Amino acid sequence: TRSGRLDEARLAFEKMLTYANHLGLYAEEIGHTGEQRGNFPQAFTHLALISAAFNLDRMLG
């Protein structure tokens, strides 16, 4: 969102939401085919998702 590419940011955020498991949790990484990899669940991933949601919401109004 800092670069002003809001449509791309929104689409990337919405795509990220599809990678959560059935409980809405994320692993440390997402593989090329969408599989969750690394530590699970990963708090830093969830924190980044919350931060992205906050910033995107603020920019979109």
PDB file of N, CA and C in Angstrom:
ATOM      1  N   THR A   1       0.814  -1.202   0.000  1.00  0.00           N
ATOM      2  CA  THR A   1       0.000   0.000   0.000  1.00  0.00           C
ATOM      3  C   THR A   1       0.854   1.261   0.000  1.00  0.00           C
ATOM      4  N   ARG A   2       2.065   1.165   0.465  1.00  0.00           N
ATOM      5  CA  ARG A   2       2.928   2.352   0.504  1.00  0.00           C
ATOM      6  C   ARG A   2       3.302   2.838  -0.885  1.00  0.00           C
ATOM      7  N   SER A   3       3.265   1.948  -1.863  1.00  0.00           N
ATOM      8  CA  SER A   3       3.618   2.339  -3.225  1.00  0.00           C
ATOM      9  C   SER A   3       2.405   2.849  -3.995  1.00  0.00           C
ATOM     10  N   GLY A   4       1.230   2.823  -3.361  1.00  0.00           N
ATOM     11  CA  GLY A   4       0.032   3.319  -4.010  1.00  0.00           C
ATOM     12  C   GLY A   4      -0.660   2.311  -4.909  1.00  0.00           C
ATOM     13  N   ARG A   5      -0.186   1.086  -4.930  1.00  0.00           N
ATOM     14  CA  ARG A   5      -0.788   0.052  -5.779  1.00  0.00           C
ATOM     15  C   ARG A   5      -1.852  -0.698  -4.973  1.00  0.00           C
ATOM     16  N   LEU A   6      -2.937   0.009  -4.664  1.00  0.00           N
ATOM     17  CA  LEU A   6      -3.947  -0.514  -3.753  1.00  0.00           C
ATOM     18  C   LEU A   6      -4.696  -1.717  -4.308  1.00  0.00           C
ATOM     19  N   ASP A   7      -5.004  -1.709  -5.591  1.00  0.00           N
ATOM     20  CA  ASP A   7      -5.718  -2.848  -6.171  1.00  0.00           C
ATOM     21  C   ASP A   7      -4.882  -4.118  -6.076  1.00  0.00           C
ATOM     22  N   GLU A   8      -3.597  -4.003  -6.375  1.00  0.00           N
ATOM     23  CA  GLU A   8      -2.701  -5.161  -6.273  1.00  0.00           C
ATOM     24  C   GLU A   8      -2.565  -5.616  -4.822  1.00  0.00           C
ATOM     25  N   ALA A   9      -2.487  -4.667  -3.910  1.00  0.00           N
ATOM     26  CA  ALA A   9      -2.367  -5.001  -2.489  1.00  0.00           C
ATOM     27  C   ALA A   9      -3.612  -5.726  -1.999  1.00  0.00           C
ATOM     28  N   ARG A  10      -4.772  -5.249  -2.404  1.00  0.00           N
ATOM     29  CA  ARG A  10      -6.023  -5.894  -1.994  1.00  0.00           C
ATOM     30  C   ARG A  10      -6.114  -7.308  -2.537  1.00  0.00           C
ATOM     31  N   LEU A  11      -5.757  -7.493  -3.801  1.00  0.00           N
ATOM     32  CA  LEU A  11      -5.799  -8.830  -4.397  1.00  0.00           C
ATOM     33  C   LEU A  11      -4.808  -9.777  -3.731  1.00  0.00           C
ATOM     34  N   ALA A  12      -3.610  -9.280  -3.431  1.00  0.00           N
ATOM     35  CA  ALA A  12      -2.610 -10.110  -2.753  1.00  0.00           C
ATOM     36  C   ALA A  12      -3.089 -10.493  -1.357  1.00  0.00           C
ATOM     37  N   PHE A  13      -3.708  -9.556  -0.658  1.00  0.00           N
ATOM     38  CA  PHE A  13      -4.226  -9.836   0.677  1.00  0.00           C
ATOM     39  C   PHE A  13      -5.333 -10.886   0.613  1.00  0.00           C
ATOM     40  N   GLU A  14      -6.259 -10.722  -0.318  1.00  0.00           N
ATOM     41  CA  GLU A  14      -7.346 -11.688  -0.454  1.00  0.00           C
ATOM     42  C   GLU A  14      -6.815 -13.070  -0.819  1.00  0.00           C
ATOM     43  N   LYS A  15      -5.795 -13.136  -1.661  1.00  0.00           N
ATOM     44  CA  LYS A  15      -5.191 -14.423  -2.015  1.00  0.00           C
ATOM     45  C   LYS A  15      -4.540 -15.050  -0.788  1.00  0.00           C
ATOM     46  N   MET A  16      -3.878 -14.233   0.029  1.00  0.00           N
ATOM     47  CA  MET A  16      -3.238 -14.743   1.239  1.00  0.00           C
ATOM     48  C   MET A  16      -4.255 -15.403   2.158  1.00  0.00           C
ATOM     49  N   LEU A  17      -5.444 -14.853   2.230  1.00  0.00           N
ATOM     50  CA  LEU A  17      -6.477 -15.420   3.097  1.00  0.00           C
ATOM     51  C   LEU A  17      -6.850 -16.841   2.692  1.00  0.00           C
ATOM     52  N   THR A  18      -6.676 -17.183   1.434  1.00  0.00           N
ATOM     53  CA  THR A  18      -7.044 -18.526   0.969  1.00  0.00           C
ATOM     54  C   THR A  18      -6.049 -19.585   1.414  1.00  0.00           C
ATOM     55  N   TYR A  19      -4.882 -19.187   1.914  1.00  0.00           N
ATOM     56  CA  TYR A  19      -3.859 -20.147   2.319  1.00  0.00           C
ATOM     57  C   TYR A  19      -3.990 -20.606   3.767  1.00  0.00           C
ATOM     58  N   ALA A  20      -4.926 -20.057   4.512  1.00  0.00           N
ATOM     59  CA  ALA A  20      -5.120 -20.481   5.903  1.00  0.00           C
ATOM     60  C   ALA A  20      -5.700 -21.895   5.933  1.00  0.00           C
ATOM     61  N   ASN A  21      -5.461 -22.591   7.034  1.00  0.00           N
ATOM     62  CA  ASN A  21      -6.078 -23.909   7.167  1.00  0.00           C
ATOM     63  C   ASN A  21      -7.520 -23.746   7.645  1.00  0.00           C
ATOM     64  N   HIS A  22      -8.177 -24.845   7.960  1.00  0.00           N
ATOM     65  CA  HIS A  22      -9.590 -24.803   8.324  1.00  0.00           C
ATOM     66  C   HIS A  22      -9.851 -24.042   9.626  1.00  0.00           C
ATOM     67  N   LEU A  23      -8.819 -23.800  10.415  1.00  0.00           N
ATOM     68  CA  LEU A  23      -8.958 -23.023  11.648  1.00  0.00           C
ATOM     69  C   LEU A  23      -8.526 -21.570  11.475  1.00  0.00           C
ATOM     70  N   GLY A  24      -8.099 -21.205  10.264  1.00  0.00           N
ATOM     71  CA  GLY A  24      -7.641 -19.850   9.998  1.00  0.00           C
ATOM     72  C   GLY A  24      -6.206 -19.603  10.423  1.00  0.00           C
ATOM     73  N   LEU A  25      -5.424 -20.677  10.567  1.00  0.00           N
ATOM     74  CA  LEU A  25      -4.040 -20.560  11.010  1.00  0.00           C
ATOM     75  C   LEU A  25      -3.077 -20.672   9.837  1.00  0.00           C
ATOM     76  N   TYR A  26      -1.909 -20.057  10.012  1.00  0.00           N
ATOM     77  CA  TYR A  26      -0.878 -20.053   8.983  1.00  0.00           C
ATOM     78  C   TYR A  26       0.421 -20.611   9.531  1.00  0.00           C
ATOM     79  N   ALA A  27       1.184 -21.222   8.638  1.00  0.00           N
ATOM     80  CA  ALA A  27       2.526 -21.686   8.983  1.00  0.00           C
ATOM     81  C   ALA A  27       3.520 -20.555   8.719  1.00  0.00           C
ATOM     82  N   GLU A  28       4.775 -20.872   8.915  1.00  0.00           N
ATOM     83  CA  GLU A  28       5.850 -19.895   8.730  1.00  0.00           C
ATOM     84  C   GLU A  28       6.011 -19.495   7.265  1.00  0.00           C
ATOM     85  N   GLU A  29       5.813 -20.443   6.368  1.00  0.00           N
ATOM     86  CA  GLU A  29       5.987 -20.198   4.938  1.00  0.00           C
ATOM     87  C   GLU A  29       4.869 -20.880   4.165  1.00  0.00           C
ATOM     88  N   ILE A  30       4.686 -20.434   2.933  1.00  0.00           N
ATOM     89  CA  ILE A  30       3.758 -21.081   2.011  1.00  0.00           C
ATOM     90  C   ILE A  30       4.567 -21.512   0.803  1.00  0.00           C
ATOM     91  N   GLY A  31       4.469 -22.796   0.461  1.00  0.00           N
ATOM     92  CA  GLY A  31       5.221 -23.328  -0.663  1.00  0.00           C
ATOM     93  C   GLY A  31       4.655 -22.878  -2.000  1.00  0.00           C
ATOM     94  N   HIS A  32       5.354 -23.231  -3.056  1.00  0.00           N
ATOM     95  CA  HIS A  32       4.961 -22.823  -4.414  1.00  0.00           C
ATOM     96  C   HIS A  32       3.586 -23.336  -4.810  1.00  0.00           C
ATOM     97  N   THR A  33       3.177 -24.469  -4.262  1.00  0.00           N
ATOM     98  CA  THR A  33       1.867 -25.023  -4.605  1.00  0.00           C
ATOM     99  C   THR A  33       0.816 -24.704  -3.551  1.00  0.00           C
ATOM    100  N   GLY A  34       1.155 -23.830  -2.594  1.00  0.00           N
ATOM    101  CA  GLY A  34       0.194 -23.400  -1.590  1.00  0.00           C
ATOM    102  C   GLY A  34       0.224 -24.180  -0.294  1.00  0.00           C
ATOM    103  N   GLU A  35       1.119 -25.167  -0.189  1.00  0.00           N
ATOM    104  CA  GLU A  35       1.182 -25.950   1.046  1.00  0.00           C
ATOM    105  C   GLU A  35       1.870 -25.146   2.141  1.00  0.00           C
ATOM    106  N   GLN A  36       1.452 -25.392   3.375  1.00  0.00           N
ATOM    107  CA  GLN A  36       2.055 -24.699   4.502  1.00  0.00           C
ATOM    108  C   GLN A  36       3.344 -25.405   4.891  1.00  0.00           C
ATOM    109  N   ARG A  37       4.395 -24.611   5.117  1.00  0.00           N
ATOM    110  CA  ARG A  37       5.717 -25.160   5.431  1.00  0.00           C
ATOM    111  C   ARG A  37       6.301 -24.432   6.632  1.00  0.00           C
ATOM    112  N   GLY A  38       7.182 -25.107   7.327  1.00  0.00           N
ATOM    113  CA  GLY A  38       7.872 -24.493   8.456  1.00  0.00           C
ATOM    114  C   GLY A  38       7.083 -24.613   9.744  1.00  0.00           C
ATOM    115  N   ASN A  39       7.424 -23.766  10.696  1.00  0.00           N
ATOM    116  CA  ASN A  39       6.783 -23.802  12.011  1.00  0.00           C
ATOM    117  C   ASN A  39       5.292 -23.520  11.892  1.00  0.00           C
ATOM    118  N   PHE A  40       4.514 -24.258  12.671  1.00  0.00           N
ATOM    119  CA  PHE A  40       3.057 -24.115  12.616  1.00  0.00           C
ATOM    120  C   PHE A  40       2.486 -24.234  14.014  1.00  0.00           C
ATOM    121  N   PRO A  41       1.570 -23.349  14.386  1.00  0.00           N
ATOM    122  CA  PRO A  41       1.269 -22.068  13.756  1.00  0.00           C
ATOM    123  C   PRO A  41       2.373 -21.061  14.050  1.00  0.00           C
ATOM    124  N   GLN A  42       2.481 -20.075  13.212  1.00  0.00           N
ATOM    125  CA  GLN A  42       3.561 -19.091  13.328  1.00  0.00           C
ATOM    126  C   GLN A  42       2.966 -17.729  13.687  1.00  0.00           C
ATOM    127  N   ALA A  43       3.298 -17.250  14.874  1.00  0.00           N
ATOM    128  CA  ALA A  43       2.737 -15.985  15.362  1.00  0.00           C
ATOM    129  C   ALA A  43       3.136 -14.799  14.488  1.00  0.00           C
ATOM    130  N   PHE A  44       4.375 -14.780  13.995  1.00  0.00           N
ATOM    131  CA  PHE A  44       4.826 -13.640  13.186  1.00  0.00           C
ATOM    132  C   PHE A  44       4.032 -13.523  11.888  1.00  0.00           C
ATOM    133  N   THR A  45       3.634 -14.644  11.323  1.00  0.00           N
ATOM    134  CA  THR A  45       2.811 -14.627  10.113  1.00  0.00           C
ATOM    135  C   THR A  45       1.460 -13.997  10.405  1.00  0.00           C
ATOM    136  N   HIS A  46       0.880 -14.366  11.532  1.00  0.00           N
ATOM    137  CA  HIS A  46      -0.417 -13.804  11.904  1.00  0.00           C
ATOM    138  C   HIS A  46      -0.309 -12.312  12.215  1.00  0.00           C
ATOM    139  N   LEU A  47       0.767 -11.921  12.849  1.00  0.00           N
ATOM    140  CA  LEU A  47       0.987 -10.503  13.139  1.00  0.00           C
ATOM    141  C   LEU A  47       1.122  -9.701  11.842  1.00  0.00           C
ATOM    142  N   ALA A  48       1.846 -10.241  10.873  1.00  0.00           N
ATOM    143  CA  ALA A  48       2.001  -9.569   9.578  1.00  0.00           C
ATOM    144  C   ALA A  48       0.665  -9.466   8.853  1.00  0.00           C
ATOM    145  N   LEU A  49      -0.166 -10.499   8.957  1.00  0.00           N
ATOM    146  CA  LEU A  49      -1.483 -10.477   8.324  1.00  0.00           C
ATOM    147  C   LEU A  49      -2.361  -9.391   8.950  1.00  0.00           C
ATOM    148  N   ILE A  50      -2.333  -9.291  10.264  1.00  0.00           N
ATOM    149  CA  ILE A  50      -3.108  -8.260  10.956  1.00  0.00           C
ATOM    150  C   ILE A  50      -2.605  -6.870  10.565  1.00  0.00           C
ATOM    151  N   SER A  51      -1.300  -6.696  10.510  1.00  0.00           N
ATOM    152  CA  SER A  51      -0.719  -5.414  10.117  1.00  0.00           C
ATOM    153  C   SER A  51      -1.114  -5.046   8.692  1.00  0.00           C
ATOM    154  N   ALA A  52      -1.066  -6.016   7.796  1.00  0.00           N
ATOM    155  CA  ALA A  52      -1.452  -5.763   6.402  1.00  0.00           C
ATOM    156  C   ALA A  52      -2.924  -5.385   6.311  1.00  0.00           C
ATOM    157  N   ALA A  53      -3.774  -6.073   7.065  1.00  0.00           N
ATOM    158  CA  ALA A  53      -5.207  -5.761   7.059  1.00  0.00           C
ATOM    159  C   ALA A  53      -5.450  -4.343   7.564  1.00  0.00           C
ATOM    160  N   PHE A  54      -4.768  -3.980   8.637  1.00  0.00           N
ATOM    161  CA  PHE A  54      -4.908  -2.636   9.204  1.00  0.00           C
ATOM    162  C   PHE A  54      -4.484  -1.572   8.194  1.00  0.00           C
ATOM    163  N   ASN A  55      -3.318  -1.755   7.592  1.00  0.00           N
ATOM    164  CA  ASN A  55      -2.804  -0.768   6.633  1.00  0.00           C
ATOM    165  C   ASN A  55      -3.668  -0.680   5.386  1.00  0.00           C
ATOM    166  N   LEU A  56      -4.116  -1.812   4.892  1.00  0.00           N
ATOM    167  CA  LEU A  56      -4.964  -1.819   3.704  1.00  0.00           C
ATOM    168  C   LEU A  56      -6.293  -1.133   3.993  1.00  0.00           C
ATOM    169  N   ASP A  57      -6.874  -1.428   5.137  1.00  0.00           N
ATOM    170  CA  ASP A  57      -8.138  -0.795   5.511  1.00  0.00           C
ATOM    171  C   ASP A  57      -7.974   0.719   5.640  1.00  0.00           C
ATOM    172  N   ARG A  58      -6.882   1.138   6.231  1.00  0.00           N
ATOM    173  CA  ARG A  58      -6.612   2.567   6.407  1.00  0.00           C
ATOM    174  C   ARG A  58      -6.468   3.265   5.054  1.00  0.00           C
ATOM    175  N   MET A  59      -5.781   2.620   4.112  1.00  0.00           N
ATOM    176  CA  MET A  59      -5.561   3.235   2.801  1.00  0.00           C
ATOM    177  C   MET A  59      -6.824   3.236   1.936  1.00  0.00           C
ATOM    178  N   LEU A  60      -7.652   2.205   2.084  1.00  0.00           N
ATOM    179  CA  LEU A  60      -8.869   2.122   1.277  1.00  0.00           C
ATOM    180  C   LEU A  60     -10.007   2.955   1.865  1.00  0.00           C
ATOM    181  N   GLY A  61      -9.859   3.318   3.123  1.00  0.00           N
ATOM    182  CA  GLY A  61     -10.863   4.164   3.763  1.00  0.00           C
ATOM    183  C   GLY A  61     -12.006   3.372   4.218  1.00  0.00           C
TER     184      GLY A  61
END
